[in-house]
Amino acid sequence: QHVVQITKGTYSGGMSGGGPVKDSGLLGAVVEAPTGMYFFKLTGPAKTLEAQAGAFEQLLASMKPKSP
């Protein structure tokens, strides 16, 4: 798996079409499996992501890719 963490910045993407949001963060991961690649992305207020980083890591650790 490959993980990226941006702890704090201005987020200007997203489906809501809103303007830039300051003090945002991103947790992202790519999990490679025999059946393909799986992408995870969590964005939100930096404080919220900091509080949920452990849960995000648990989610990734729970991935048990199987052969097709």
PDB file of N, CA and C in Angstrom:
ATOM      1  N   GLN A   1       0.835  -1.185   0.000  1.00  0.00           N
ATOM      2  CA  GLN A   1       0.000   0.000   0.000  1.00  0.00           C
ATOM      3  C   GLN A   1       0.878   1.245   0.000  1.00  0.00           C
ATOM      4  N   HIS A   2       0.346   2.297  -0.540  1.00  0.00           N
ATOM      5  CA  HIS A   2       1.042   3.573  -0.620  1.00  0.00           C
ATOM      6  C   HIS A   2       0.143   4.616   0.031  1.00  0.00           C
ATOM      7  N   VAL A   3       0.711   5.399   0.944  1.00  0.00           N
ATOM      8  CA  VAL A   3      -0.088   6.351   1.721  1.00  0.00           C
ATOM      9  C   VAL A   3       0.497   7.752   1.559  1.00  0.00           C
ATOM     10  N   VAL A   4      -0.384   8.741   1.466  1.00  0.00           N
ATOM     11  CA  VAL A   4       0.027  10.143   1.432  1.00  0.00           C
ATOM     12  C   VAL A   4      -0.776  10.892   2.490  1.00  0.00           C
ATOM     13  N   GLN A   5      -0.107  11.833   3.154  1.00  0.00           N
ATOM     14  CA  GLN A   5      -0.788  12.658   4.152  1.00  0.00           C
ATOM     15  C   GLN A   5      -0.365  14.105   3.952  1.00  0.00           C
ATOM     16  N   ILE A   6      -1.343  14.964   3.783  1.00  0.00           N
ATOM     17  CA  ILE A   6      -1.118  16.409   3.741  1.00  0.00           C
ATOM     18  C   ILE A   6      -1.793  16.948   4.990  1.00  0.00           C
ATOM     19  N   THR A   7      -0.992  17.415   5.926  1.00  0.00           N
ATOM     20  CA  THR A   7      -1.545  17.739   7.242  1.00  0.00           C
ATOM     21  C   THR A   7      -2.347  19.029   7.291  1.00  0.00           C
ATOM     22  N   LYS A   8      -1.952  20.027   6.485  1.00  0.00           N
ATOM     23  CA  LYS A   8      -2.698  21.282   6.559  1.00  0.00           C
ATOM     24  C   LYS A   8      -2.424  22.112   5.313  1.00  0.00           C
ATOM     25  N   GLY A   9      -3.480  22.658   4.749  1.00  0.00           N
ATOM     26  CA  GLY A   9      -3.343  23.495   3.567  1.00  0.00           C
ATOM     27  C   GLY A   9      -4.694  24.059   3.183  1.00  0.00           C
ATOM     28  N   THR A  10      -4.793  24.563   1.974  1.00  0.00           N
ATOM     29  CA  THR A  10      -6.049  25.088   1.453  1.00  0.00           C
ATOM     30  C   THR A  10      -6.564  24.119   0.404  1.00  0.00           C
ATOM     31  N   TYR A  11      -7.741  23.566   0.634  1.00  0.00           N
ATOM     32  CA  TYR A  11      -8.343  22.582  -0.259  1.00  0.00           C
ATOM     33  C   TYR A  11      -9.264  23.313  -1.230  1.00  0.00           C
ATOM     34  N   SER A  12      -9.028  23.091  -2.513  1.00  0.00           N
ATOM     35  CA  SER A  12      -9.864  23.784  -3.501  1.00  0.00           C
ATOM     36  C   SER A  12     -10.524  22.829  -4.482  1.00  0.00           C
ATOM     37  N   GLY A  13     -10.551  21.547  -4.161  1.00  0.00           N
ATOM     38  CA  GLY A  13     -11.207  20.569  -5.025  1.00  0.00           C
ATOM     39  C   GLY A  13     -12.466  20.056  -4.371  1.00  0.00           C
ATOM     40  N   GLY A  14     -13.131  19.181  -5.055  1.00  0.00           N
ATOM     41  CA  GLY A  14     -14.312  18.564  -4.471  1.00  0.00           C
ATOM     42  C   GLY A  14     -15.527  18.702  -5.358  1.00  0.00           C
ATOM     43  N   MET A  15     -16.537  17.934  -5.019  1.00  0.00           N
ATOM     44  CA  MET A  15     -17.736  17.868  -5.840  1.00  0.00           C
ATOM     45  C   MET A  15     -18.740  18.961  -5.489  1.00  0.00           C
ATOM     46  N   SER A  16     -18.579  19.606  -4.339  1.00  0.00           N
ATOM     47  CA  SER A  16     -19.572  20.592  -3.919  1.00  0.00           C
ATOM     48  C   SER A  16     -19.489  21.879  -4.732  1.00  0.00           C
ATOM     49  N   GLY A  17     -18.341  22.112  -5.381  1.00  0.00           N
ATOM     50  CA  GLY A  17     -18.196  23.317  -6.181  1.00  0.00           C
ATOM     51  C   GLY A  17     -17.974  24.573  -5.367  1.00  0.00           C
ATOM     52  N   GLY A  18     -17.768  24.412  -4.057  1.00  0.00           N
ATOM     53  CA  GLY A  18     -17.522  25.563  -3.205  1.00  0.00           C
ATOM     54  C   GLY A  18     -16.130  26.126  -3.420  1.00  0.00           C
ATOM     55  N   GLY A  19     -15.864  27.241  -2.793  1.00  0.00           N
ATOM     56  CA  GLY A  19     -14.561  27.881  -2.914  1.00  0.00           C
ATOM     57  C   GLY A  19     -13.519  27.195  -2.055  1.00  0.00           C
ATOM     58  N   PRO A  20     -12.300  27.719  -2.062  1.00  0.00           N
ATOM     59  CA  PRO A  20     -11.207  27.151  -1.281  1.00  0.00           C
ATOM     60  C   PRO A  20     -11.536  27.110   0.212  1.00  0.00           C
ATOM     61  N   VAL A  21     -11.082  26.041   0.866  1.00  0.00           N
ATOM     62  CA  VAL A  21     -11.304  25.857   2.298  1.00  0.00           C
ATOM     63  C   VAL A  21      -9.935  25.801   2.974  1.00  0.00           C
ATOM     64  N   LYS A  22      -9.670  26.759   3.867  1.00  0.00           N
ATOM     65  CA  LYS A  22      -8.389  26.804   4.573  1.00  0.00           C
ATOM     66  C   LYS A  22      -8.361  25.788   5.704  1.00  0.00           C
ATOM     67  N   ASP A  23      -7.152  25.498   6.174  1.00  0.00           N
ATOM     68  CA  ASP A  23      -6.919  24.573   7.290  1.00  0.00           C
ATOM     69  C   ASP A  23      -7.530  23.199   7.038  1.00  0.00           C
ATOM     70  N   SER A  24      -7.385  22.711   5.811  1.00  0.00           N
ATOM     71  CA  SER A  24      -7.878  21.388   5.440  1.00  0.00           C
ATOM     72  C   SER A  24      -6.705  20.432   5.309  1.00  0.00           C
ATOM     73  N   GLY A  25      -7.010  19.152   5.333  1.00  0.00           N
ATOM     74  CA  GLY A  25      -5.990  18.134   5.168  1.00  0.00           C
ATOM     75  C   GLY A  25      -6.488  17.023   4.269  1.00  0.00           C
ATOM     76  N   LEU A  26      -5.583  16.102   3.965  1.00  0.00           N
ATOM     77  CA  LEU A  26      -5.916  14.965   3.112  1.00  0.00           C
ATOM     78  C   LEU A  26      -5.167  13.739   3.592  1.00  0.00           C
ATOM     79  N   LEU A  27      -5.874  12.630   3.683  1.00  0.00           N
ATOM     80  CA  LEU A  27      -5.270  11.317   3.878  1.00  0.00           C
ATOM     81  C   LEU A  27      -5.657  10.505   2.659  1.00  0.00           C
ATOM     82  N   GLY A  28      -4.696   9.883   2.027  1.00  0.00           N
ATOM     83  CA  GLY A  28      -4.984   9.098   0.842  1.00  0.00           C
ATOM     84  C   GLY A  28      -4.165   7.824   0.835  1.00  0.00           C
ATOM     85  N   ALA A  29      -4.676   6.821   0.157  1.00  0.00           N
ATOM     86  CA  ALA A  29      -3.955   5.556   0.057  1.00  0.00           C
ATOM     87  C   ALA A  29      -4.342   4.834  -1.220  1.00  0.00           C
ATOM     88  N   VAL A  30      -3.381   4.060  -1.717  1.00  0.00           N
ATOM     89  CA  VAL A  30      -3.616   3.145  -2.830  1.00  0.00           C
ATOM     90  C   VAL A  30      -3.225   1.771  -2.324  1.00  0.00           C
ATOM     91  N   VAL A  31      -4.162   0.834  -2.386  1.00  0.00           N
ATOM     92  CA  VAL A  31      -3.900  -0.544  -1.981  1.00  0.00           C
ATOM     93  C   VAL A  31      -3.871  -1.389  -3.242  1.00  0.00           C
ATOM     94  N   GLU A  32      -2.741  -2.055  -3.471  1.00  0.00           N
ATOM     95  CA  GLU A  32      -2.590  -2.917  -4.632  1.00  0.00           C
ATOM     96  C   GLU A  32      -3.014  -4.332  -4.258  1.00  0.00           C
ATOM     97  N   ALA A  33      -3.865  -4.917  -5.074  1.00  0.00           N
ATOM     98  CA  ALA A  33      -4.357  -6.278  -4.838  1.00  0.00           C
ATOM     99  C   ALA A  33      -4.324  -7.041  -6.154  1.00  0.00           C
ATOM    100  N   PRO A  34      -4.361  -8.368  -6.098  1.00  0.00           N
ATOM    101  CA  PRO A  34      -4.390  -9.154  -7.334  1.00  0.00           C
ATOM    102  C   PRO A  34      -5.593  -8.821  -8.223  1.00  0.00           C
ATOM    103  N   THR A  35      -6.659  -8.336  -7.609  1.00  0.00           N
ATOM    104  CA  THR A  35      -7.877  -8.017  -8.360  1.00  0.00           C
ATOM    105  C   THR A  35      -7.915  -6.586  -8.864  1.00  0.00           C
ATOM    106  N   GLY A  36      -6.893  -5.798  -8.555  1.00  0.00           N
ATOM    107  CA  GLY A  36      -6.845  -4.418  -9.010  1.00  0.00           C
ATOM    108  C   GLY A  36      -6.324  -3.490  -7.931  1.00  0.00           C
ATOM    109  N   MET A  37      -6.430  -2.207  -8.212  1.00  0.00           N
ATOM    110  CA  MET A  37      -5.972  -1.201  -7.259  1.00  0.00           C
ATOM    111  C   MET A  37      -7.186  -0.512  -6.642  1.00  0.00           C
ATOM    112  N   TYR A  38      -7.093  -0.257  -5.347  1.00  0.00           N
ATOM    113  CA  TYR A  38      -8.181   0.376  -4.612  1.00  0.00           C
ATOM    114  C   TYR A  38      -7.681   1.703  -4.051  1.00  0.00           C
ATOM    115  N   PHE A  39      -8.476   2.770  -4.235  1.00  0.00           N
ATOM    116  CA  PHE A  39      -8.080   4.112  -3.866  1.00  0.00           C
ATOM    117  C   PHE A  39      -8.963   4.617  -2.726  1.00  0.00           C
ATOM    118  N   PHE A  40      -8.332   5.199  -1.714  1.00  0.00           N
ATOM    119  CA  PHE A  40      -9.037   5.763  -0.568  1.00  0.00           C
ATOM    120  C   PHE A  40      -8.596   7.203  -0.401  1.00  0.00           C
ATOM    121  N   LYS A  41      -9.546   8.103  -0.173  1.00  0.00           N
ATOM    122  CA  LYS A  41      -9.225   9.517   0.001  1.00  0.00           C
ATOM    123  C   LYS A  41     -10.149  10.094   1.065  1.00  0.00           C
ATOM    124  N   LEU A  42      -9.547  10.734   2.036  1.00  0.00           N
ATOM    125  CA  LEU A  42     -10.294  11.365   3.120  1.00  0.00           C
ATOM    126  C   LEU A  42      -9.835  12.812   3.204  1.00  0.00           C
ATOM    127  N   THR A  43     -10.759  13.746   3.044  1.00  0.00           N
ATOM    128  CA  THR A  43     -10.433  15.166   3.151  1.00  0.00           C
ATOM    129  C   THR A  43     -11.343  15.806   4.174  1.00  0.00           C
ATOM    130  N   GLY A  44     -10.868  16.868   4.773  1.00  0.00           N
ATOM    131  CA  GLY A  44     -11.685  17.588   5.737  1.00  0.00           C
ATOM    132  C   GLY A  44     -10.838  18.528   6.563  1.00  0.00           C
ATOM    133  N   PRO A  45     -11.435  19.092   7.613  1.00  0.00           N
ATOM    134  CA  PRO A  45     -10.678  19.979   8.489  1.00  0.00           C
ATOM    135  C   PRO A  45      -9.462  19.253   9.067  1.00  0.00           C
ATOM    136  N   ALA A  46      -8.338  19.950   9.129  1.00  0.00           N
ATOM    137  CA  ALA A  46      -7.091  19.335   9.593  1.00  0.00           C
ATOM    138  C   ALA A  46      -7.252  18.687  10.972  1.00  0.00           C
ATOM    139  N   LYS A  47      -7.957  19.336  11.881  1.00  0.00           N
ATOM    140  CA  LYS A  47      -8.144  18.775  13.232  1.00  0.00           C
ATOM    141  C   LYS A  47      -8.939  17.476  13.192  1.00  0.00           C
ATOM    142  N   THR A  48      -9.935  17.411  12.332  1.00  0.00           N
ATOM    143  CA  THR A  48     -10.744  16.201  12.215  1.00  0.00           C
ATOM    144  C   THR A  48      -9.908  15.052  11.661  1.00  0.00           C
ATOM    145  N   LEU A  49      -9.108  15.343  10.634  1.00  0.00           N
ATOM    146  CA  LEU A  49      -8.269  14.293  10.047  1.00  0.00           C
ATOM    147  C   LEU A  49      -7.227  13.801  11.041  1.00  0.00           C
ATOM    148  N   GLU A  50      -6.682  14.716  11.811  1.00  0.00           N
ATOM    149  CA  GLU A  50      -5.713  14.319  12.834  1.00  0.00           C
ATOM    150  C   GLU A  50      -6.359  13.361  13.829  1.00  0.00           C
ATOM    151  N   ALA A  51      -7.598  13.659  14.222  1.00  0.00           N
ATOM    152  CA  ALA A  51      -8.314  12.815  15.173  1.00  0.00           C
ATOM    153  C   ALA A  51      -8.683  11.457  14.578  1.00  0.00           C
ATOM    154  N   GLN A  52      -8.864  11.388  13.257  1.00  0.00           N
ATOM    155  CA  GLN A  52      -9.298  10.152  12.601  1.00  0.00           C
ATOM    156  C   GLN A  52      -8.173   9.383  11.914  1.00  0.00           C
ATOM    157  N   ALA A  53      -6.943   9.862  12.015  1.00  0.00           N
ATOM    158  CA  ALA A  53      -5.821   9.203  11.339  1.00  0.00           C
ATOM    159  C   ALA A  53      -5.669   7.752  11.785  1.00  0.00           C
ATOM    160  N   GLY A  54      -5.853   7.480  13.058  1.00  0.00           N
ATOM    161  CA  GLY A  54      -5.749   6.108  13.565  1.00  0.00           C
ATOM    162  C   GLY A  54      -6.801   5.190  12.961  1.00  0.00           C
ATOM    163  N   ALA A  55      -8.020   5.682  12.844  1.00  0.00           N
ATOM    164  CA  ALA A  55      -9.095   4.894  12.242  1.00  0.00           C
ATOM    165  C   ALA A  55      -8.813   4.627  10.765  1.00  0.00           C
ATOM    166  N   PHE A  56      -8.233   5.614  10.068  1.00  0.00           N
ATOM    167  CA  PHE A  56      -7.880   5.443   8.657  1.00  0.00           C
ATOM    168  C   PHE A  56      -6.805   4.364   8.526  1.00  0.00           C
ATOM    169  N   GLU A  57      -5.816   4.389   9.417  1.00  0.00           N
ATOM    170  CA  GLU A  57      -4.768   3.368   9.405  1.00  0.00           C
ATOM    171  C   GLU A  57      -5.345   1.982   9.702  1.00  0.00           C
ATOM    172  N   GLN A  58      -6.302   1.900  10.620  1.00  0.00           N
ATOM    173  CA  GLN A  58      -6.956   0.621  10.927  1.00  0.00           C
ATOM    174  C   GLN A  58      -7.698   0.087   9.706  1.00  0.00           C
ATOM    175  N   LEU A  59      -8.378   0.975   8.980  1.00  0.00           N
ATOM    176  CA  LEU A  59      -9.075   0.568   7.766  1.00  0.00           C
ATOM    177  C   LEU A  59      -8.086  -0.058   6.791  1.00  0.00           C
ATOM    178  N   LEU A  60      -6.960   0.615   6.577  1.00  0.00           N
ATOM    179  CA  LEU A  60      -5.966   0.097   5.635  1.00  0.00           C
ATOM    180  C   LEU A  60      -5.388  -1.224   6.113  1.00  0.00           C
ATOM    181  N   ALA A  61      -5.132  -1.336   7.404  1.00  0.00           N
ATOM    182  CA  ALA A  61      -4.581  -2.582   7.963  1.00  0.00           C
ATOM    183  C   ALA A  61      -5.565  -3.744   7.852  1.00  0.00           C
ATOM    184  N   SER A  62      -6.853  -3.434   7.781  1.00  0.00           N
ATOM    185  CA  SER A  62      -7.871  -4.488   7.699  1.00  0.00           C
ATOM    186  C   SER A  62      -7.995  -5.065   6.288  1.00  0.00           C
ATOM    187  N   MET A  63      -7.387  -4.411   5.316  1.00  0.00           N
ATOM    188  CA  MET A  63      -7.480  -4.886   3.924  1.00  0.00           C
ATOM    189  C   MET A  63      -6.702  -6.187   3.785  1.00  0.00           C
ATOM    190  N   LYS A  64      -7.374  -7.206   3.320  1.00  0.00           N
ATOM    191  CA  LYS A  64      -6.763  -8.512   3.106  1.00  0.00           C
ATOM    192  C   LYS A  64      -7.042  -8.949   1.674  1.00  0.00           C
ATOM    193  N   PRO A  65      -6.285  -8.374   0.710  1.00  0.00           N
ATOM    194  CA  PRO A  65      -6.534  -8.714  -0.701  1.00  0.00           C
ATOM    195  C   PRO A  65      -6.363 -10.194  -0.967  1.00  0.00           C
ATOM    196  N   LYS A  66      -7.294 -10.780  -1.716  1.00  0.00           N
ATOM    197  CA  LYS A  66      -7.252 -12.183  -2.086  1.00  0.00           C
ATOM    198  C   LYS A  66      -7.043 -12.311  -3.576  1.00  0.00           C
ATOM    199  N   SER A  67      -6.538 -13.451  -3.980  1.00  0.00           N
ATOM    200  CA  SER A  67      -6.368 -13.719  -5.403  1.00  0.00           C
ATOM    201  C   SER A  67      -7.728 -13.879  -6.068  1.00  0.00           C
ATOM    202  N   PRO A  68      -7.836 -13.510  -7.353  1.00  0.00           N
ATOM    203  CA  PRO A  68      -9.129 -13.648  -8.036  1.00  0.00           C
ATOM    204  C   PRO A  68      -9.558 -15.100  -8.178  1.00  0.00           C
TER     205      PRO A  68
END
